[in-house]
Amino acid sequence: MNKLFKLNVLLVFVITALLGCAKDKETLPNLEGNWELRETVNGQTGIVSELPAGNGTYIQFSANEFKRFQDGELINEGTYTLYKYNTKITQKEAYKIAFNNNDPFSISTYYTIKNNELVITEDAYDAPASIYMKIL
């Protein structure tokens, strides 16, 4: 009886440990939709340039493809991948966008989304930033 009790306790402990270590797959912030450029920030000077609503400069994200428009005209398109990484500058966890299958010539960019505002910036001290608003 004592062995059976010990075996049950061990079994409960192992199951609890395994369940405790199971990690839920974290979902990354969703970029799908149209995002219109509203502000740019010069990383070297800090100068902020505002753009009016309806300016025709936006990015359209689908499940894994993007299209960039300027003045309503398509200027660039390709694929993108989202993932978590630690920034080179701060070593803090962030969300990265790898455009065009992480082309070695593309700049390392990361993003944040808060209240329908998308901020895309580069992983550098004097990085510029682009601020987009979600549009329909």
Protein backbone atom coordinates (compact mmCIF):
# COMPACT_ATOMS: atom_id res chain seq x y z
CA MET A 1 0.00 0.00 0.00
CA ASN A 2 2.85 2.36 0.87
CA LYS A 3 4.48 1.76 -2.54
CA LEU A 4 1.20 2.46 -4.30
CA PHE A 5 0.80 5.73 -2.38
CA LYS A 6 4.36 6.81 -3.27
CA LEU A 7 3.79 5.91 -6.91
CA ASN A 8 0.57 7.99 -7.02
CA VAL A 9 2.32 10.96 -5.38
CA LEU A 10 5.19 10.68 -7.86
CA LEU A 11 2.74 10.44 -10.76
CA VAL A 12 0.83 13.53 -9.62
CA PHE A 13 4.12 15.43 -9.21
CA VAL A 14 5.34 14.48 -12.70
CA ILE A 15 2.03 15.39 -14.36
CA THR A 16 1.93 18.73 -12.53
CA ALA A 17 5.51 19.48 -13.55
CA LEU A 18 4.84 18.65 -17.17
CA LEU A 19 1.68 20.75 -17.31
CA GLY A 20 3.43 23.61 -15.56
CA CYS A 21 6.18 23.59 -18.16
CA ALA A 22 3.82 23.53 -21.10
CA LYS A 23 3.94 26.89 -22.80
CA ASP A 24 1.01 28.35 -24.66
CA LYS A 25 1.91 29.47 -28.13
CA GLU A 26 1.98 33.23 -27.93
CA THR A 27 0.22 35.08 -30.70
CA LEU A 28 1.98 38.09 -32.16
CA PRO A 29 0.13 41.38 -32.61
CA ASN A 30 -1.86 41.17 -35.85
CA LEU A 31 -0.83 43.52 -38.66
CA GLU A 32 -3.52 42.54 -41.15
CA GLY A 33 -5.35 45.46 -42.67
CA ASN A 34 -4.52 48.90 -44.08
CA TRP A 35 -2.23 51.26 -42.14
CA GLU A 36 -1.94 54.88 -43.29
CA LEU A 37 1.24 56.85 -42.57
CA ARG A 38 0.46 59.80 -40.28
CA GLU A 39 3.85 60.79 -38.83
CA THR A 40 7.53 60.30 -39.49
CA VAL A 41 10.24 60.92 -36.92
CA ASN A 42 13.79 61.73 -37.99
CA GLY A 43 15.98 59.67 -35.70
CA GLN A 44 18.96 62.00 -35.93
CA THR A 45 17.20 65.32 -35.44
CA GLY A 46 14.02 64.27 -33.66
CA ILE A 47 11.95 66.33 -36.09
CA VAL A 48 8.39 65.02 -36.41
CA SER A 49 6.58 65.45 -39.72
CA GLU A 50 2.81 65.00 -39.70
CA LEU A 51 0.77 63.83 -42.66
CA PRO A 52 -2.97 64.43 -43.05
CA ALA A 53 -5.56 61.68 -43.08
CA GLY A 54 -6.28 60.46 -46.61
CA ASN A 55 -2.74 61.18 -47.82
CA GLY A 56 -2.59 57.96 -49.89
CA THR A 57 0.60 56.63 -48.25
CA TYR A 58 -0.17 53.34 -46.57
CA ILE A 59 0.83 49.71 -46.11
CA GLN A 60 -1.63 46.90 -46.73
CA PHE A 61 -0.87 43.71 -44.80
CA SER A 62 -2.52 40.36 -45.51
CA ALA A 63 -1.70 37.05 -43.83
CA ASN A 64 1.94 37.05 -45.03
CA GLU A 65 2.13 39.61 -47.82
CA PHE A 66 2.42 43.39 -47.87
CA LYS A 67 1.87 46.16 -50.40
CA ARG A 68 3.19 49.71 -49.98
CA PHE A 69 1.34 52.59 -51.57
CA GLN A 70 2.42 56.21 -52.01
CA ASP A 71 -0.08 58.77 -53.26
CA GLY A 72 -2.42 55.81 -53.80
CA GLU A 73 -0.01 54.09 -56.24
CA LEU A 74 1.59 50.69 -55.54
CA ILE A 75 5.36 51.20 -55.07
CA ASN A 76 6.50 47.95 -53.42
CA GLU A 77 5.17 44.53 -52.50
CA GLY A 78 6.44 41.27 -51.10
CA THR A 79 6.23 38.91 -48.18
CA TYR A 80 6.81 39.41 -44.48
CA THR A 81 7.27 37.31 -41.37
CA LEU A 82 6.65 38.35 -37.77
CA TYR A 83 8.53 37.02 -34.77
CA LYS A 84 9.77 37.92 -31.32
CA TYR A 85 13.40 38.82 -30.81
CA ASN A 86 15.67 40.80 -28.50
CA THR A 87 16.68 44.18 -29.89
CA LYS A 88 20.37 44.75 -30.50
CA ILE A 89 20.30 48.12 -28.78
CA THR A 90 18.28 47.51 -25.60
CA GLN A 91 18.33 43.69 -25.49
CA LYS A 92 14.62 43.89 -24.66
CA GLU A 93 12.03 41.64 -26.20
CA ALA A 94 10.28 43.16 -29.20
CA TYR A 95 8.31 42.17 -32.30
CA LYS A 96 10.26 42.11 -35.53
CA ILE A 97 9.06 42.38 -39.11
CA ALA A 98 11.25 40.55 -41.61
CA PHE A 99 10.31 41.85 -45.05
CA ASN A 100 10.91 39.74 -48.17
CA ASN A 101 11.95 36.55 -46.37
CA ASN A 102 14.47 38.38 -44.20
CA ASP A 103 16.48 39.65 -47.15
CA PRO A 104 20.06 40.17 -45.90
CA PHE A 105 20.01 43.65 -47.44
CA SER A 106 16.83 44.70 -45.64
CA ILE A 107 17.05 46.79 -42.49
CA SER A 108 16.17 45.15 -39.17
CA THR A 109 12.81 46.65 -38.23
CA TYR A 110 10.48 46.13 -35.32
CA TYR A 111 6.96 47.23 -34.53
CA THR A 112 4.49 48.01 -31.79
CA ILE A 113 0.71 48.31 -31.98
CA LYS A 114 -1.37 50.23 -29.49
CA ASN A 115 -4.89 51.61 -29.92
CA ASN A 116 -4.93 51.23 -33.73
CA GLU A 117 -1.53 52.90 -33.99
CA LEU A 118 1.35 51.02 -35.62
CA VAL A 119 4.90 52.22 -35.03
CA ILE A 120 7.63 50.79 -37.23
CA THR A 121 11.23 51.65 -36.44
CA GLU A 122 14.72 50.33 -37.03
CA ASP A 123 16.94 48.66 -34.47
CA ALA A 124 19.42 51.54 -34.09
CA TYR A 125 20.10 54.41 -31.68
CA ASP A 126 19.32 57.12 -34.22
CA ALA A 127 16.59 55.19 -35.99
CA PRO A 128 13.77 56.93 -37.81
CA ALA A 129 10.23 55.90 -37.01
CA SER A 130 7.04 55.72 -39.04
CA ILE A 131 3.69 56.01 -37.28
CA TYR A 132 0.62 54.59 -38.98
CA MET A 133 -3.09 54.60 -38.12
CA LYS A 134 -5.33 51.69 -39.02
CA ILE A 135 -7.84 52.62 -41.70
CA LEU A 136 -10.74 50.80 -43.31
